[in-house]
Each structure stands twice: as C-alpha cells, then as structure tokens.
C-alpha cells in the first residue's frame, strides 16, 4: 500500500514539474511558430511581387513590339453639324442655307 502511495506522489511531482516546464516552453514554441508563419507569408508576398514584375516586363516588351509594327497615323476628329432643318428632315442636311439631298 505504501509503495502505491509513493508511486502516486512521485507521479504527482513529475506532473507538476512537467506543467511548470510546459509553461516556459509553450510561449517559445508559439513564438517560433508565429515567426515561421510570418517568414512564409513574406516569402509568398515576395514571390507574388516578383511574378507581377515579370508579367509587367513581358507586357511592356509585347507593347513595345506592337508599337514598332504599327505605322504612325495622324488621327483627326471630325464633327458634323446638324441644324434644326436637318433634325426635322432625316433625308437631307442643311449646310448654311444649301440643302444636300441624299439619293434614295
């Protein structure tokens, strides 16, 4: 009976020691885990940034190649002036008193 009691007391003391050691070790483990997670996230962010930079360079290169192949064209905007007569009659346009009639 006495040996049984001694074994229980020994187990109890060992559990208390383990609990105190866990209280010291647990924050260190969590801090290390958080640091590892942060490092992985930074690595992922860096890879995303590098991938975007590569894609941007590819797009710029493609854009420059296209620009070199397209002839330069002068674009001119045109404006057609409609008068009240033209608005009333869709078959012709009044240009300063002269009426131009479209052929049917």
Protein backbone atom coordinates (compact mmCIF):
# COMPACT_ATOMS: atom_id res chain seq x y z
CA UNK A 1 0.00 0.00 0.00
CA UNK A 2 2.80 2.33 0.93
CA UNK A 3 4.62 1.76 -2.37
CA UNK A 4 1.37 2.55 -4.19
CA UNK A 5 1.11 5.86 -2.32
CA UNK A 6 4.75 6.68 -3.05
CA UNK A 7 4.22 6.00 -6.75
CA UNK A 8 1.20 8.34 -6.83
CA UNK A 9 3.19 11.08 -5.06
CA UNK A 10 6.07 10.64 -7.49
CA UNK A 11 3.69 10.87 -10.46
CA UNK A 12 2.10 13.97 -8.95
CA UNK A 13 5.52 15.66 -8.50
CA UNK A 14 6.52 14.75 -12.07
CA UNK A 15 3.25 16.19 -13.42
CA UNK A 16 3.86 19.46 -11.55
CA UNK A 17 7.41 19.67 -12.96
CA UNK A 18 6.15 18.95 -16.45
CA UNK A 19 3.43 21.62 -16.14
CA UNK A 20 5.96 24.23 -14.99
CA UNK A 21 8.32 23.30 -17.83
CA UNK A 22 5.45 23.48 -20.34
CA UNK A 23 4.60 26.98 -19.10
CA UNK A 24 8.13 28.02 -20.02
CA UNK A 25 8.37 26.12 -23.31
CA UNK A 26 4.87 26.80 -24.74
CA UNK A 27 5.41 30.57 -25.34
CA UNK A 28 8.73 29.80 -27.04
CA UNK A 29 7.08 27.26 -29.31
CA UNK A 30 4.25 29.68 -30.17
CA UNK A 31 6.72 32.50 -30.82
CA UNK A 32 8.76 30.22 -33.11
CA UNK A 33 5.60 29.09 -34.92
CA UNK A 34 4.46 32.69 -35.40
CA UNK A 35 7.90 33.64 -36.70
CA UNK A 36 7.85 30.76 -39.20
CA UNK A 37 4.34 31.71 -40.37
CA UNK A 38 5.47 35.32 -40.82
CA UNK A 39 8.53 34.22 -42.82
CA UNK A 40 6.38 32.04 -45.08
CA UNK A 41 3.93 34.91 -45.67
CA UNK A 42 6.78 37.28 -46.53
CA UNK A 43 8.18 34.69 -48.94
CA UNK A 44 4.76 34.30 -50.58
CA UNK A 45 4.42 38.09 -50.87
CA UNK A 46 7.89 38.34 -52.41
CA UNK A 47 7.08 35.61 -54.93
CA UNK A 48 3.83 37.38 -55.88
CA UNK A 49 5.67 40.68 -56.34
CA UNK A 50 8.37 39.06 -58.46
CA UNK A 51 5.74 37.32 -60.57
CA UNK A 52 3.91 40.63 -61.13
CA UNK A 53 7.17 42.33 -62.09
CA UNK A 54 7.99 39.58 -64.60
CA UNK A 55 4.49 39.82 -66.09
CA UNK A 56 4.74 43.62 -66.29
CA UNK A 57 8.08 43.35 -68.12
CA UNK A 58 6.58 40.83 -70.55
CA UNK A 59 3.60 43.10 -71.23
CA UNK A 60 5.84 46.14 -71.71
CA UNK A 61 8.02 44.16 -74.13
CA UNK A 62 4.95 42.98 -76.08
CA UNK A 63 3.56 46.51 -76.13
CA UNK A 64 6.84 47.91 -77.46
CA UNK A 65 6.98 45.23 -80.16
CA UNK A 66 3.42 46.07 -81.24
CA UNK A 67 4.14 49.79 -81.26
CA UNK A 68 7.12 49.26 -83.54
CA UNK A 69 4.96 47.32 -86.03
CA UNK A 70 2.05 49.77 -86.15
CA UNK A 71 2.57 52.68 -88.54
CA UNK A 72 2.07 56.10 -87.04
CA UNK A 73 -1.26 57.54 -88.14
CA UNK A 74 -2.47 61.05 -87.56
CA UNK A 75 -5.96 60.88 -86.09
CA UNK A 76 -8.30 63.76 -86.74
CA UNK A 77 -11.65 64.07 -85.03
CA UNK A 78 -14.49 65.22 -87.25
CA UNK A 79 -17.68 66.91 -86.25
CA UNK A 80 -20.89 67.00 -88.26
CA UNK A 81 -23.11 69.97 -87.52
CA UNK A 82 -26.83 69.35 -87.69
CA UNK A 83 -29.20 72.29 -87.98
CA UNK A 84 -32.84 72.38 -86.99
CA UNK A 85 -33.94 71.65 -90.58
CA UNK A 86 -31.73 68.57 -90.64
CA UNK A 87 -33.19 67.46 -87.37
CA UNK A 88 -36.69 67.71 -88.81
CA UNK A 89 -35.92 66.02 -92.10
CA UNK A 90 -33.64 62.99 -91.86
CA UNK A 91 -33.26 62.70 -95.67
CA UNK A 92 -31.14 65.82 -96.05
CA UNK A 93 -28.68 68.08 -94.26
CA UNK A 94 -28.85 71.85 -94.27
CA UNK A 95 -25.40 73.41 -94.70
CA UNK A 96 -25.74 77.15 -94.36
CA UNK A 97 -28.86 77.54 -96.48
CA UNK A 98 -27.86 74.90 -99.03
CA UNK A 99 -29.72 71.67 -98.86
CA UNK A 100 -27.94 68.49 -99.89
CA UNK A 101 -30.40 65.75 -100.72
CA UNK A 102 -29.33 62.17 -100.43
CA UNK A 103 -30.18 59.86 -103.26
CA UNK A 104 -32.64 57.12 -102.44
